[in-house]
Amino acid sequence: WDKKGEGASAEPMVRALQGLTGTVAGNDYRPREVLAVHSYVAELDVGMVLKVDMEQVMAPAVEAAVLLVLISILAVVVLMTVLAVVTRLIWRRVEEGWQQTQKKVEEEKEQFGVL
């Protein structure tokens, strides 16, 4: 099976005619990377080879990976937005508490005559 793309090889058919069943990955005559499944059909005394472009084999996995990345990015953006809103709300409460504390300290200073 041609690993370098220099032309077609008969390895899958040779294996099938030897009575072997299995898969082989390599380059075909185009040269494109393909996955070849080979088997010997004893009833017909023939070897059978089925080739599928690796691009087609991998397409569902690539689509799933792209979808996963997009969903992950969306989730990060949503979580960062929620975190920013919650942080802002908490910070407002802290500032309000600080201002109330400052106001009480000033009132106590005036009440006891402390500068």
PDB file of N, CA and C in Angstrom:
ATOM      1  N   TRP A   1       0.856  -1.175   0.000  1.00  0.00           N
ATOM      2  CA  TRP A   1       0.000   0.000   0.000  1.00  0.00           C
ATOM      3  C   TRP A   1       0.880   1.208   0.000  1.00  0.00           C
ATOM      4  N   ASP A   2       0.619   2.108  -0.871  1.00  0.00           N
ATOM      5  CA  ASP A   2       1.510   3.239  -1.079  1.00  0.00           C
ATOM      6  C   ASP A   2       1.372   4.249   0.048  1.00  0.00           C
ATOM      7  N   LYS A   3       2.430   4.433   0.826  1.00  0.00           N
ATOM      8  CA  LYS A   3       2.425   5.374   1.945  1.00  0.00           C
ATOM      9  C   LYS A   3       2.880   6.767   1.526  1.00  0.00           C
ATOM     10  N   LYS A   4       3.488   6.904   0.347  1.00  0.00           N
ATOM     11  CA  LYS A   4       4.083   8.168  -0.059  1.00  0.00           C
ATOM     12  C   LYS A   4       3.310   8.872  -1.155  1.00  0.00           C
ATOM     13  N   GLY A   5       2.229   8.295  -1.645  1.00  0.00           N
ATOM     14  CA  GLY A   5       1.450   8.948  -2.682  1.00  0.00           C
ATOM     15  C   GLY A   5       2.066   8.836  -4.059  1.00  0.00           C
ATOM     16  N   GLU A   6       2.938   7.864  -4.278  1.00  0.00           N
ATOM     17  CA  GLU A   6       3.615   7.731  -5.561  1.00  0.00           C
ATOM     18  C   GLU A   6       2.820   6.900  -6.561  1.00  0.00           C
ATOM     19  N   GLY A   7       1.673   6.399  -6.167  1.00  0.00           N
ATOM     20  CA  GLY A   7       0.876   5.610  -7.090  1.00  0.00           C
ATOM     21  C   GLY A   7       0.103   4.544  -6.343  1.00  0.00           C
ATOM     22  N   ALA A   8      -0.765   3.860  -7.081  1.00  0.00           N
ATOM     23  CA  ALA A   8      -1.620   2.863  -6.459  1.00  0.00           C
ATOM     24  C   ALA A   8      -0.815   1.607  -6.156  1.00  0.00           C
ATOM     25  N   SER A   9      -1.240   0.890  -5.124  1.00  0.00           N
ATOM     26  CA  SER A   9      -0.629  -0.366  -4.750  1.00  0.00           C
ATOM     27  C   SER A   9      -1.729  -1.391  -4.610  1.00  0.00           C
ATOM     28  N   ALA A  10      -1.363  -2.641  -4.797  1.00  0.00           N
ATOM     29  CA  ALA A  10      -2.359  -3.711  -4.771  1.00  0.00           C
ATOM     30  C   ALA A  10      -2.408  -4.423  -3.427  1.00  0.00           C
ATOM     31  N   GLU A  11      -1.775  -3.862  -2.389  1.00  0.00           N
ATOM     32  CA  GLU A  11      -1.705  -4.564  -1.115  1.00  0.00           C
ATOM     33  C   GLU A  11      -3.058  -5.022  -0.573  1.00  0.00           C
ATOM     34  N   PRO A  12      -4.109  -4.183  -0.576  1.00  0.00           N
ATOM     35  CA  PRO A  12      -5.390  -4.673  -0.060  1.00  0.00           C
ATOM     36  C   PRO A  12      -5.919  -5.879  -0.840  1.00  0.00           C
ATOM     37  N   MET A  13      -5.805  -5.857  -2.167  1.00  0.00           N
ATOM     38  CA  MET A  13      -6.285  -6.985  -2.970  1.00  0.00           C
ATOM     39  C   MET A  13      -5.412  -8.224  -2.755  1.00  0.00           C
ATOM     40  N   VAL A  14      -4.125  -8.021  -2.643  1.00  0.00           N
ATOM     41  CA  VAL A  14      -3.228  -9.147  -2.382  1.00  0.00           C
ATOM     42  C   VAL A  14      -3.610  -9.814  -1.069  1.00  0.00           C
ATOM     43  N   ARG A  15      -3.861  -9.019  -0.059  1.00  0.00           N
ATOM     44  CA  ARG A  15      -4.269  -9.569   1.239  1.00  0.00           C
ATOM     45  C   ARG A  15      -5.599 -10.310   1.123  1.00  0.00           C
ATOM     46  N   ALA A  16      -6.539  -9.718   0.388  1.00  0.00           N
ATOM     47  CA  ALA A  16      -7.840 -10.369   0.220  1.00  0.00           C
ATOM     48  C   ALA A  16      -7.675 -11.716  -0.475  1.00  0.00           C
ATOM     49  N   LEU A  17      -6.870 -11.778  -1.514  1.00  0.00           N
ATOM     50  CA  LEU A  17      -6.675 -13.026  -2.251  1.00  0.00           C
ATOM     51  C   LEU A  17      -5.902 -14.066  -1.438  1.00  0.00           C
ATOM     52  N   GLN A  18      -5.200 -13.600  -0.405  1.00  0.00           N
ATOM     53  CA  GLN A  18      -4.522 -14.527   0.504  1.00  0.00           C
ATOM     54  C   GLN A  18      -5.488 -15.062   1.562  1.00  0.00           C
ATOM     55  N   GLY A  19      -6.743 -14.625   1.483  1.00  0.00           N
ATOM     56  CA  GLY A  19      -7.740 -15.088   2.434  1.00  0.00           C
ATOM     57  C   GLY A  19      -7.818 -14.254   3.695  1.00  0.00           C
ATOM     58  N   LEU A  20      -7.145 -13.128   3.711  1.00  0.00           N
ATOM     59  CA  LEU A  20      -7.135 -12.251   4.889  1.00  0.00           C
ATOM     60  C   LEU A  20      -8.281 -11.254   4.829  1.00  0.00           C
ATOM     61  N   THR A  21      -8.759 -10.897   5.981  1.00  0.00           N
ATOM     62  CA  THR A  21      -9.793  -9.868   6.108  1.00  0.00           C
ATOM     63  C   THR A  21      -9.270  -8.808   7.060  1.00  0.00           C
ATOM     64  N   GLY A  22      -9.441  -7.539   6.683  1.00  0.00           N
ATOM     65  CA  GLY A  22      -8.966  -6.469   7.556  1.00  0.00           C
ATOM     66  C   GLY A  22      -9.059  -5.115   6.897  1.00  0.00           C
ATOM     67  N   THR A  23      -8.344  -4.183   7.494  1.00  0.00           N
ATOM     68  CA  THR A  23      -8.327  -2.813   6.974  1.00  0.00           C
ATOM     69  C   THR A  23      -6.889  -2.365   6.788  1.00  0.00           C
ATOM     70  N   VAL A  24      -6.704  -1.481   5.824  1.00  0.00           N
ATOM     71  CA  VAL A  24      -5.387  -0.911   5.535  1.00  0.00           C
ATOM     72  C   VAL A  24      -5.598   0.561   5.223  1.00  0.00           C
ATOM     73  N   ALA A  25      -4.762   1.416   5.796  1.00  0.00           N
ATOM     74  CA  ALA A  25      -4.818   2.848   5.490  1.00  0.00           C
ATOM     75  C   ALA A  25      -3.616   3.199   4.635  1.00  0.00           C
ATOM     76  N   GLY A  26      -3.822   4.021   3.646  1.00  0.00           N
ATOM     77  CA  GLY A  26      -2.731   4.446   2.777  1.00  0.00           C
ATOM     78  C   GLY A  26      -3.237   5.351   1.687  1.00  0.00           C
ATOM     79  N   ASN A  27      -2.406   5.594   0.690  1.00  0.00           N
ATOM     80  CA  ASN A  27      -2.778   6.469  -0.424  1.00  0.00           C
ATOM     81  C   ASN A  27      -3.175   5.625  -1.626  1.00  0.00           C
ATOM     82  N   ASP A  28      -4.186   6.097  -2.357  1.00  0.00           N
ATOM     83  CA  ASP A  28      -4.602   5.382  -3.564  1.00  0.00           C
ATOM     84  C   ASP A  28      -3.963   6.034  -4.790  1.00  0.00           C
ATOM     85  N   TYR A  29      -4.478   5.736  -5.962  1.00  0.00           N
ATOM     86  CA  TYR A  29      -3.892   6.202  -7.220  1.00  0.00           C
ATOM     87  C   TYR A  29      -4.009   7.700  -7.444  1.00  0.00           C
ATOM     88  N   ARG A  30      -4.866   8.423  -6.669  1.00  0.00           N
ATOM     89  CA  ARG A  30      -5.113   9.849  -6.975  1.00  0.00           C
ATOM     90  C   ARG A  30      -4.022  10.817  -6.591  1.00  0.00           C
ATOM     91  N   PRO A  31      -3.210  10.800  -5.692  1.00  0.00           N
ATOM     92  CA  PRO A  31      -3.069  10.047  -4.452  1.00  0.00           C
ATOM     93  C   PRO A  31      -3.820  10.746  -3.317  1.00  0.00           C
ATOM     94  N   ARG A  32      -4.763  10.049  -2.770  1.00  0.00           N
ATOM     95  CA  ARG A  32      -5.529  10.545  -1.619  1.00  0.00           C
ATOM     96  C   ARG A  32      -5.469   9.492  -0.533  1.00  0.00           C
ATOM     97  N   GLU A  33      -5.477   9.963   0.713  1.00  0.00           N
ATOM     98  CA  GLU A  33      -5.445   9.025   1.823  1.00  0.00           C
ATOM     99  C   GLU A  33      -6.801   8.339   1.928  1.00  0.00           C
ATOM    100  N   VAL A  34      -6.772   7.002   1.953  1.00  0.00           N
ATOM    101  CA  VAL A  34      -8.006   6.234   2.007  1.00  0.00           C
ATOM    102  C   VAL A  34      -7.898   5.149   3.074  1.00  0.00           C
ATOM    103  N   LEU A  35      -9.054   4.651   3.459  1.00  0.00           N
ATOM    104  CA  LEU A  35      -9.147   3.486   4.327  1.00  0.00           C
ATOM    105  C   LEU A  35      -9.717   2.373   3.458  1.00  0.00           C
ATOM    106  N   ALA A  36      -8.980   1.280   3.342  1.00  0.00           N
ATOM    107  CA  ALA A  36      -9.420   0.166   2.503  1.00  0.00           C
ATOM    108  C   ALA A  36      -9.769  -1.024   3.382  1.00  0.00           C
ATOM    109  N   VAL A  37     -10.926  -1.608   3.135  1.00  0.00           N
ATOM    110  CA  VAL A  37     -11.360  -2.827   3.810  1.00  0.00           C
ATOM    111  C   VAL A  37     -11.273  -3.944   2.787  1.00  0.00           C
ATOM    112  N   HIS A  38     -10.617  -5.049   3.170  1.00  0.00           N
ATOM    113  CA  HIS A  38     -10.432  -6.139   2.208  1.00  0.00           C
ATOM    114  C   HIS A  38     -10.898  -7.461   2.806  1.00  0.00           C
ATOM    115  N   SER A  39     -11.381  -8.337   1.922  1.00  0.00           N
ATOM    116  CA  SER A  39     -11.848  -9.655   2.355  1.00  0.00           C
ATOM    117  C   SER A  39     -11.866 -10.594   1.151  1.00  0.00           C
ATOM    118  N   TYR A  40     -11.765 -11.876   1.434  1.00  0.00           N
ATOM    119  CA  TYR A  40     -11.855 -12.903   0.392  1.00  0.00           C
ATOM    120  C   TYR A  40     -13.255 -13.499   0.447  1.00  0.00           C
ATOM    121  N   VAL A  41     -13.926 -13.571  -0.697  1.00  0.00           N
ATOM    122  CA  VAL A  41     -15.260 -14.165  -0.795  1.00  0.00           C
ATOM    123  C   VAL A  41     -15.082 -15.552  -1.411  1.00  0.00           C
ATOM    124  N   ALA A  42     -15.068 -16.563  -0.567  1.00  0.00           N
ATOM    125  CA  ALA A  42     -14.764 -17.934  -1.006  1.00  0.00           C
ATOM    126  C   ALA A  42     -15.800 -18.462  -1.995  1.00  0.00           C
ATOM    127  N   GLU A  43     -17.076 -18.142  -1.781  1.00  0.00           N
ATOM    128  CA  GLU A  43     -18.135 -18.645  -2.657  1.00  0.00           C
ATOM    129  C   GLU A  43     -17.948 -18.213  -4.105  1.00  0.00           C
ATOM    130  N   LEU A  44     -17.392 -17.039  -4.274  1.00  0.00           N
ATOM    131  CA  LEU A  44     -17.187 -16.506  -5.623  1.00  0.00           C
ATOM    132  C   LEU A  44     -15.728 -16.609  -6.072  1.00  0.00           C
ATOM    133  N   ASP A  45     -14.852 -17.023  -5.167  1.00  0.00           N
ATOM    134  CA  ASP A  45     -13.423 -17.126  -5.433  1.00  0.00           C
ATOM    135  C   ASP A  45     -12.859 -15.789  -5.923  1.00  0.00           C
ATOM    136  N   VAL A  46     -13.228 -14.725  -5.186  1.00  0.00           N
ATOM    137  CA  VAL A  46     -12.745 -13.379  -5.532  1.00  0.00           C
ATOM    138  C   VAL A  46     -12.310 -12.660  -4.261  1.00  0.00           C
ATOM    139  N   GLY A  47     -11.444 -11.706  -4.458  1.00  0.00           N
ATOM    140  CA  GLY A  47     -11.088 -10.790  -3.381  1.00  0.00           C
ATOM    141  C   GLY A  47     -11.888  -9.518  -3.555  1.00  0.00           C
ATOM    142  N   MET A  48     -12.303  -8.933  -2.444  1.00  0.00           N
ATOM    143  CA  MET A  48     -13.094  -7.707  -2.512  1.00  0.00           C
ATOM    144  C   MET A  48     -12.395  -6.621  -1.693  1.00  0.00           C
ATOM    145  N   VAL A  49     -12.322  -5.431  -2.277  1.00  0.00           N
ATOM    146  CA  VAL A  49     -11.716  -4.288  -1.604  1.00  0.00           C
ATOM    147  C   VAL A  49     -12.683  -3.121  -1.700  1.00  0.00           C
ATOM    148  N   LEU A  50     -12.933  -2.487  -0.571  1.00  0.00           N
ATOM    149  CA  LEU A  50     -13.772  -1.285  -0.518  1.00  0.00           C
ATOM    150  C   LEU A  50     -12.897  -0.159   0.013  1.00  0.00           C
ATOM    151  N   LYS A  51     -12.822   0.942  -0.755  1.00  0.00           N
ATOM    152  CA  LYS A  51     -12.009   2.079  -0.338  1.00  0.00           C
ATOM    153  C   LYS A  51     -12.911   3.284  -0.083  1.00  0.00           C
ATOM    154  N   VAL A  52     -12.594   3.994   0.998  1.00  0.00           N
ATOM    155  CA  VAL A  52     -13.314   5.224   1.346  1.00  0.00           C
ATOM    156  C   VAL A  52     -12.266   6.277   1.671  1.00  0.00           C
ATOM    157  N   ASP A  53     -12.464   7.484   1.137  1.00  0.00           N
ATOM    158  CA  ASP A  53     -11.544   8.578   1.453  1.00  0.00           C
ATOM    159  C   ASP A  53     -11.527   8.817   2.957  1.00  0.00           C
ATOM    160  N   MET A  54     -10.337   8.975   3.497  1.00  0.00           N
ATOM    161  CA  MET A  54     -10.189   9.226   4.932  1.00  0.00           C
ATOM    162  C   MET A  54     -10.906  10.515   5.330  1.00  0.00           C
ATOM    163  N   GLU A  55     -10.962  11.461   4.406  1.00  0.00           N
ATOM    164  CA  GLU A  55     -11.678  12.722   4.655  1.00  0.00           C
ATOM    165  C   GLU A  55     -13.147  12.446   4.982  1.00  0.00           C
ATOM    166  N   GLN A  56     -13.763  11.515   4.260  1.00  0.00           N
ATOM    167  CA  GLN A  56     -15.152  11.145   4.524  1.00  0.00           C
ATOM    168  C   GLN A  56     -15.284  10.394   5.838  1.00  0.00           C
ATOM    169  N   VAL A  57     -14.304   9.545   6.131  1.00  0.00           N
ATOM    170  CA  VAL A  57     -14.345   8.779   7.374  1.00  0.00           C
ATOM    171  C   VAL A  57     -14.264   9.713   8.577  1.00  0.00           C
ATOM    172  N   MET A  58     -13.417  10.731   8.472  1.00  0.00           N
ATOM    173  CA  MET A  58     -13.170  11.631   9.593  1.00  0.00           C
ATOM    174  C   MET A  58     -14.151  12.801   9.686  1.00  0.00           C
ATOM    175  N   ALA A  59     -14.956  13.034   8.653  1.00  0.00           N
ATOM    176  CA  ALA A  59     -15.841  14.203   8.617  1.00  0.00           C
ATOM    177  C   ALA A  59     -16.748  14.311   9.845  1.00  0.00           C
ATOM    178  N   PRO A  60     -17.419  13.241  10.283  1.00  0.00           N
ATOM    179  CA  PRO A  60     -18.268  13.381  11.471  1.00  0.00           C
ATOM    180  C   PRO A  60     -17.484  13.777  12.720  1.00  0.00           C
ATOM    181  N   ALA A  61     -16.285  13.250  12.883  1.00  0.00           N
ATOM    182  CA  ALA A  61     -15.466  13.595  14.047  1.00  0.00           C
ATOM    183  C   ALA A  61     -15.026  15.058  13.991  1.00  0.00           C
ATOM    184  N   VAL A  62     -14.676  15.521  12.807  1.00  0.00           N
ATOM    185  CA  VAL A  62     -14.262  16.917  12.647  1.00  0.00           C
ATOM    186  C   VAL A  62     -15.439  17.849  12.941  1.00  0.00           C
ATOM    187  N   GLU A  63     -16.620  17.507  12.419  1.00  0.00           N
ATOM    188  CA  GLU A  63     -17.813  18.323  12.686  1.00  0.00           C
ATOM    189  C   GLU A  63     -18.125  18.360  14.172  1.00  0.00           C
ATOM    190  N   ALA A  64     -18.025  17.218  14.832  1.00  0.00           N
ATOM    191  CA  ALA A  64     -18.293  17.158  16.271  1.00  0.00           C
ATOM    192  C   ALA A  64     -17.280  17.999  17.041  1.00  0.00           C
ATOM    193  N   ALA A  65     -16.016  17.960  16.634  1.00  0.00           N
ATOM    194  CA  ALA A  65     -14.988  18.743  17.315  1.00  0.00           C
ATOM    195  C   ALA A  65     -15.238  20.243  17.154  1.00  0.00           C
ATOM    196  N   VAL A  66     -15.606  20.660  15.944  1.00  0.00           N
ATOM    197  CA  VAL A  66     -15.899  22.078  15.697  1.00  0.00           C
ATOM    198  C   VAL A  66     -17.094  22.519  16.534  1.00  0.00           C
ATOM    199  N   LEU A  67     -18.132  21.692  16.573  1.00  0.00           N
ATOM    200  CA  LEU A  67     -19.316  22.013  17.372  1.00  0.00           C
ATOM    201  C   LEU A  67     -18.958  22.112  18.847  1.00  0.00           C
ATOM    202  N   LEU A  68     -18.137  21.199  19.331  1.00  0.00           N
ATOM    203  CA  LEU A  68     -17.724  21.210  20.728  1.00  0.00           C
ATOM    204  C   LEU A  68     -16.949  22.481  21.058  1.00  0.00           C
ATOM    205  N   VAL A  69     -16.070  22.898  20.173  1.00  0.00           N
ATOM    206  CA  VAL A  69     -15.299  24.125  20.402  1.00  0.00           C
ATOM    207  C   VAL A  69     -16.228  25.332  20.441  1.00  0.00           C
ATOM    208  N   LEU A  70     -17.180  25.406  19.499  1.00  0.00           N
ATOM    209  CA  LEU A  70     -18.112  26.541  19.476  1.00  0.00           C
ATOM    210  C   LEU A  70     -18.977  26.583  20.728  1.00  0.00           C
ATOM    211  N   ILE A  71     -19.479  25.430  21.162  1.00  0.00           N
ATOM    212  CA  ILE A  71     -20.289  25.372  22.383  1.00  0.00           C
ATOM    213  C   ILE A  71     -19.445  25.768  23.587  1.00  0.00           C
ATOM    214  N   SER A  72     -18.195  25.335  23.626  1.00  0.00           N
ATOM    215  CA  SER A  72     -17.308  25.687  24.741  1.00  0.00           C
ATOM    216  C   SER A  72     -17.056  27.187  24.788  1.00  0.00           C
ATOM    217  N   ILE A  73     -16.812  27.785  23.636  1.00  0.00           N
ATOM    218  CA  ILE A  73     -16.594  29.237  23.588  1.00  0.00           C
ATOM    219  C   ILE A  73     -17.843  29.970  24.058  1.00  0.00           C
ATOM    220  N   LEU A  74     -19.013  29.536  23.584  1.00  0.00           N
ATOM    221  CA  LEU A  74     -20.262  30.161  24.014  1.00  0.00           C
ATOM    222  C   LEU A  74     -20.454  30.018  25.514  1.00  0.00           C
ATOM    223  N   ALA A  75     -20.166  28.852  26.058  1.00  0.00           N
ATOM    224  CA  ALA A  75     -20.316  28.623  27.497  1.00  0.00           C
ATOM    225  C   ALA A  75     -19.385  29.531  28.287  1.00  0.00           C
ATOM    226  N   VAL A  76     -18.152  29.693  27.828  1.00  0.00           N
ATOM    227  CA  VAL A  76     -17.208  30.568  28.521  1.00  0.00           C
ATOM    228  C   VAL A  76     -17.699  32.012  28.498  1.00  0.00           C
ATOM    229  N   VAL A  77     -18.205  32.470  27.358  1.00  0.00           N
ATOM    230  CA  VAL A  77     -18.705  33.852  27.255  1.00  0.00           C
ATOM    231  C   VAL A  77     -19.897  34.054  28.198  1.00  0.00           C
ATOM    232  N   VAL A  78     -20.827  33.108  28.211  1.00  0.00           N
ATOM    233  CA  VAL A  78     -21.999  33.219  29.087  1.00  0.00           C
ATOM    234  C   VAL A  78     -21.565  33.223  30.552  1.00  0.00           C
ATOM    235  N   LEU A  79     -20.678  32.314  30.929  1.00  0.00           N
ATOM    236  CA  LEU A  79     -20.227  32.252  32.322  1.00  0.00           C
ATOM    237  C   LEU A  79     -19.463  33.500  32.733  1.00  0.00           C
ATOM    238  N   MET A  80     -18.655  34.055  31.819  1.00  0.00           N
ATOM    239  CA  MET A  80     -17.934  35.291  32.142  1.00  0.00           C
ATOM    240  C   MET A  80     -18.911  36.450  32.332  1.00  0.00           C
ATOM    241  N   THR A  81     -19.955  36.491  31.525  1.00  0.00           N
ATOM    242  CA  THR A  81     -20.961  37.543  31.660  1.00  0.00           C
ATOM    243  C   THR A  81     -21.688  37.423  32.991  1.00  0.00           C
ATOM    244  N   VAL A  82     -22.099  36.206  33.342  1.00  0.00           N
ATOM    245  CA  VAL A  82     -22.775  35.982  34.623  1.00  0.00           C
ATOM    246  C   VAL A  82     -21.847  36.365  35.772  1.00  0.00           C
ATOM    247  N   LEU A  83     -20.588  35.964  35.689  1.00  0.00           N
ATOM    248  CA  LEU A  83     -19.627  36.300  36.733  1.00  0.00           C
ATOM    249  C   LEU A  83     -19.461  37.808  36.869  1.00  0.00           C
ATOM    250  N   ALA A  84     -19.395  38.514  35.752  1.00  0.00           N
ATOM    251  CA  ALA A  84     -19.250  39.975  35.794  1.00  0.00           C
ATOM    252  C   ALA A  84     -20.457  40.630  36.453  1.00  0.00           C
ATOM    253  N   VAL A  85     -21.654  40.156  36.121  1.00  0.00           N
ATOM    254  CA  VAL A  85     -22.872  40.732  36.707  1.00  0.00           C
ATOM    255  C   VAL A  85     -22.923  40.463  38.212  1.00  0.00           C
ATOM    256  N   VAL A  86     -22.661  39.226  38.602  1.00  0.00           N
ATOM    257  CA  VAL A  86     -22.702  38.873  40.027  1.00  0.00           C
ATOM    258  C   VAL A  86     -21.631  39.636  40.798  1.00  0.00           C
ATOM    259  N   THR A  87     -20.450  39.752  40.230  1.00  0.00           N
ATOM    260  CA  THR A  87     -19.369  40.496  40.887  1.00  0.00           C
ATOM    261  C   THR A  87     -19.750  41.956  41.072  1.00  0.00           C
ATOM    262  N   ARG A  88     -20.373  42.540  40.052  1.00  0.00           N
ATOM    263  CA  ARG A  88     -20.794  43.937  40.147  1.00  0.00           C
ATOM    264  C   ARG A  88     -21.840  44.116  41.253  1.00  0.00           C
ATOM    265  N   LEU A  89     -22.787  43.187  41.352  1.00  0.00           N
ATOM    266  CA  LEU A  89     -23.805  43.269  42.405  1.00  0.00           C
ATOM    267  C   LEU A  89     -23.175  43.158  43.793  1.00  0.00           C
ATOM    268  N   ILE A  90     -22.266  42.227  43.954  1.00  0.00           N
ATOM    269  CA  ILE A  90     -21.595  42.065  45.252  1.00  0.00           C
ATOM    270  C   ILE A  90     -20.776  43.300  45.581  1.00  0.00           C
ATOM    271  N   TRP A  91     -20.072  43.832  44.595  1.00  0.00           N
ATOM    272  CA  TRP A  91     -19.244  45.018  44.830  1.00  0.00           C
ATOM    273  C   TRP A  91     -20.099  46.208  45.248  1.00  0.00           C
ATOM    274  N   ARG A  92     -21.272  46.372  44.654  1.00  0.00           N
ATOM    275  CA  ARG A  92     -22.174  47.469  45.048  1.00  0.00           C
ATOM    276  C   ARG A  92     -22.566  47.341  46.519  1.00  0.00           C
ATOM    277  N   ARG A  93     -22.880  46.124  46.950  1.00  0.00           N
ATOM    278  CA  ARG A  93     -23.242  45.903  48.352  1.00  0.00           C
ATOM    279  C   ARG A  93     -22.070  46.207  49.276  1.00  0.00           C
ATOM    280  N   VAL A  94     -20.891  45.837  48.872  1.00  0.00           N
ATOM    281  CA  VAL A  94     -19.696  46.131  49.678  1.00  0.00           C
ATOM    282  C   VAL A  94     -19.504  47.637  49.777  1.00  0.00           C
ATOM    283  N   GLU A  95     -19.637  48.348  48.661  1.00  0.00           N
ATOM    284  CA  GLU A  95     -19.483  49.806  48.684  1.00  0.00           C
ATOM    285  C   GLU A  95     -20.546  50.467  49.556  1.00  0.00           C
ATOM    286  N   GLU A  96     -21.799  49.985  49.437  1.00  0.00           N
ATOM    287  CA  GLU A  96     -22.866  50.543  50.263  1.00  0.00           C
ATOM    288  C   GLU A  96     -22.576  50.311  51.747  1.00  0.00           C
ATOM    289  N   GLY A  97     -22.116  49.109  52.062  1.00  0.00           N
ATOM    290  CA  GLY A  97     -21.767  48.810  53.462  1.00  0.00           C
ATOM    291  C   GLY A  97     -20.622  49.678  53.942  1.00  0.00           C
ATOM    292  N   TRP A  98     -19.637  49.903  53.092  1.00  0.00           N
ATOM    293  CA  TRP A  98     -18.501  50.750  53.450  1.00  0.00           C
ATOM    294  C   TRP A  98     -18.958  52.190  53.684  1.00  0.00           C
ATOM    295  N   GLN A  99     -19.829  52.704  52.820  1.00  0.00           N
ATOM    296  CA  GLN A  99     -20.326  54.072  52.979  1.00  0.00           C
ATOM    297  C   GLN A  99     -21.140  54.211  54.262  1.00  0.00           C
ATOM    298  N   GLN A 100     -21.954  53.212  54.580  1.00  0.00           N
ATOM    299  CA  GLN A 100     -22.735  53.248  55.807  1.00  0.00           C
ATOM    300  C   GLN A 100     -21.821  53.217  57.030  1.00  0.00           C
ATOM    301  N   THR A 101     -20.786  52.422  56.951  1.00  0.00           N
ATOM    302  CA  THR A 101     -19.827  52.351  58.058  1.00  0.00           C
ATOM    303  C   THR A 101     -19.115  53.681  58.222  1.00  0.00           C
ATOM    304  N   GLN A 102     -18.706  54.298  57.134  1.00  0.00           N
ATOM    305  CA  GLN A 102     -18.040  55.598  57.188  1.00  0.00           C
ATOM    306  C   GLN A 102     -18.973  56.652  57.792  1.00  0.00           C
ATOM    307  N   LYS A 103     -20.237  56.599  57.394  1.00  0.00           N
ATOM    308  CA  LYS A 103     -21.218  57.560  57.896  1.00  0.00           C
ATOM    309  C   LYS A 103     -21.396  57.394  59.406  1.00  0.00           C
ATOM    310  N   LYS A 104     -21.473  56.149  59.879  1.00  0.00           N
ATOM    311  CA  LYS A 104     -21.631  55.885  61.305  1.00  0.00           C
ATOM    312  C   LYS A 104     -20.396  56.337  62.086  1.00  0.00           C
ATOM    313  N   VAL A 105     -19.225  56.123  61.513  1.00  0.00           N
ATOM    314  CA  VAL A 105     -17.995  56.561  62.182  1.00  0.00           C
ATOM    315  C   VAL A 105     -17.992  58.080  62.319  1.00  0.00           C
ATOM    316  N   GLU A 106     -18.391  58.784  61.272  1.00  0.00           N
ATOM    317  CA  GLU A 106     -18.449  60.249  61.329  1.00  0.00           C
ATOM    318  C   GLU A 106     -19.459  60.712  62.377  1.00  0.00           C
ATOM    319  N   GLU A 107     -20.618  60.030  62.433  1.00  0.00           N
ATOM    320  CA  GLU A 107     -21.633  60.388  63.428  1.00  0.00           C
ATOM    321  C   GLU A 107     -21.109  60.162  64.840  1.00  0.00           C
ATOM    322  N   GLU A 108     -20.402  59.067  65.050  1.00  0.00           N
ATOM    323  CA  GLU A 108     -19.834  58.773  66.376  1.00  0.00           C
ATOM    324  C   GLU A 108     -18.783  59.809  66.740  1.00  0.00           C
ATOM    325  N   LYS A 109     -17.975  60.214  65.763  1.00  0.00           N
ATOM    326  CA  LYS A 109     -16.957  61.244  66.032  1.00  0.00           C
ATOM    327  C   LYS A 109     -17.614  62.528  66.495  1.00  0.00           C
ATOM    328  N   GLU A 110     -18.693  62.910  65.780  1.00  0.00           N
ATOM    329  CA  GLU A 110     -19.378  64.152  66.142  1.00  0.00           C
ATOM    330  C   GLU A 110     -20.022  64.028  67.528  1.00  0.00           C
ATOM    331  N   GLN A 111     -20.591  62.852  67.825  1.00  0.00           N
ATOM    332  CA  GLN A 111     -21.269  62.645  69.095  1.00  0.00           C
ATOM    333  C   GLN A 111     -20.283  62.725  70.251  1.00  0.00           C
ATOM    334  N   PHE A 112     -19.098  62.188  70.099  1.00  0.00           N
ATOM    335  CA  PHE A 112     -18.122  62.181  71.189  1.00  0.00           C
ATOM    336  C   PHE A 112     -17.125  63.309  71.069  1.00  0.00           C
ATOM    337  N   GLY A 113     -17.256  64.134  70.043  1.00  0.00           N
ATOM    338  CA  GLY A 113     -16.382  65.277  69.884  1.00  0.00           C
ATOM    339  C   GLY A 113     -14.974  64.937  69.426  1.00  0.00           C
ATOM    340  N   VAL A 114     -14.822  63.840  68.728  1.00  0.00           N
ATOM    341  CA  VAL A 114     -13.517  63.443  68.227  1.00  0.00           C
ATOM    342  C   VAL A 114     -13.371  64.004  66.822  1.00  0.00           C
ATOM    343  N   LEU A 115     -12.187  64.574  66.548  1.00  0.00           N
ATOM    344  CA  LEU A 115     -11.957  65.132  65.223  1.00  0.00           C
ATOM    345  C   LEU A 115     -11.702  64.111  64.204  1.00  0.00           C
TER     346      LEU A 115
END
